[in-house]
Amino acid sequence: MRLLLVEDDVMVTSGIKLGLTDAGYAVDWVGSGERAEEVLRSEVFDAAIIDIGLPNMDGLELTRRLRRADNASHAMPVLILTARDALQDRVQGLDLGADDYMIKPFELPELLARLRALLRRSQAATTAVLSFGPIELDTANRRAVANRNGQAHPIELGPREWTVMEYLLINAPKPASKDKLLQALTGWDKEITPNAVEVYISRLRGKLEPHGVALRSIRGFGYRLELQETPGA
């Protein structure tokens, strides 16, 4: 999942970005509402984390602009951060279109949990556990298993393998586009080629096929999860 962090405090940004990156997200950062608005005209993110106390254009105004019908990012989930704990400020942020808010200081595990909830809702997933056939991905506990013969077999996934797997499960049984997978894996400070997606797909195939799940290539588009009649076939 690719996130945009809009925060003008460099120290706060460093801590949040490190925590999100460790959790497997691709995170890009801008320090102003104006820059965020510019970036969102040309790039796609799965969610935005926006601080209210930005210079010039504050986070509330940025959120209001993002929610306009003519904005390409108008449906993107928005979580606002604020040092203001007054009820009026929280109500105003939600009324302007924010999906959730957190008051500083906050604990990283709660931020991650709130993000997972927003992303599930935006992807029409109502449970923390994504599944396809015997495969289950517990997004809350970061645990992947294959349920076979009454037993849960752990599947070890690296951070980027997890990101690819999550997108595949969210889209299943429909295919997930290669472009979307590349966006989910890439941040501004990283360079990942389209061939890198194929590397992670190949690794996942080796981990899924023994459990009866195939990863099929859809020519010119992307990849789709399919059940095999015989595991490993």
Foldseek 3Di string as FASTA:
>chain_A
DEEEEAAQDPVVVVVLVVLVVVLLFFYEYDHALVVVLVVQQPDDGQAYEAEQPGPPHGRQNSLLVLCDPPRPNNLRAYEYEYQDPDPVVQVSSVVSPHPYYDHPPDDNLVVQVVVLCRSCVSLVHRAQWFDDQQWIQRSSVRWIWGQDPNDTHTFDDDSLLSLVVVQQRSQPQHFDFLVVSVSRNDYPVDDDDSVVSVVSLVVVQVRCQQRQWHWDADPPTGIGIDGHPHRND
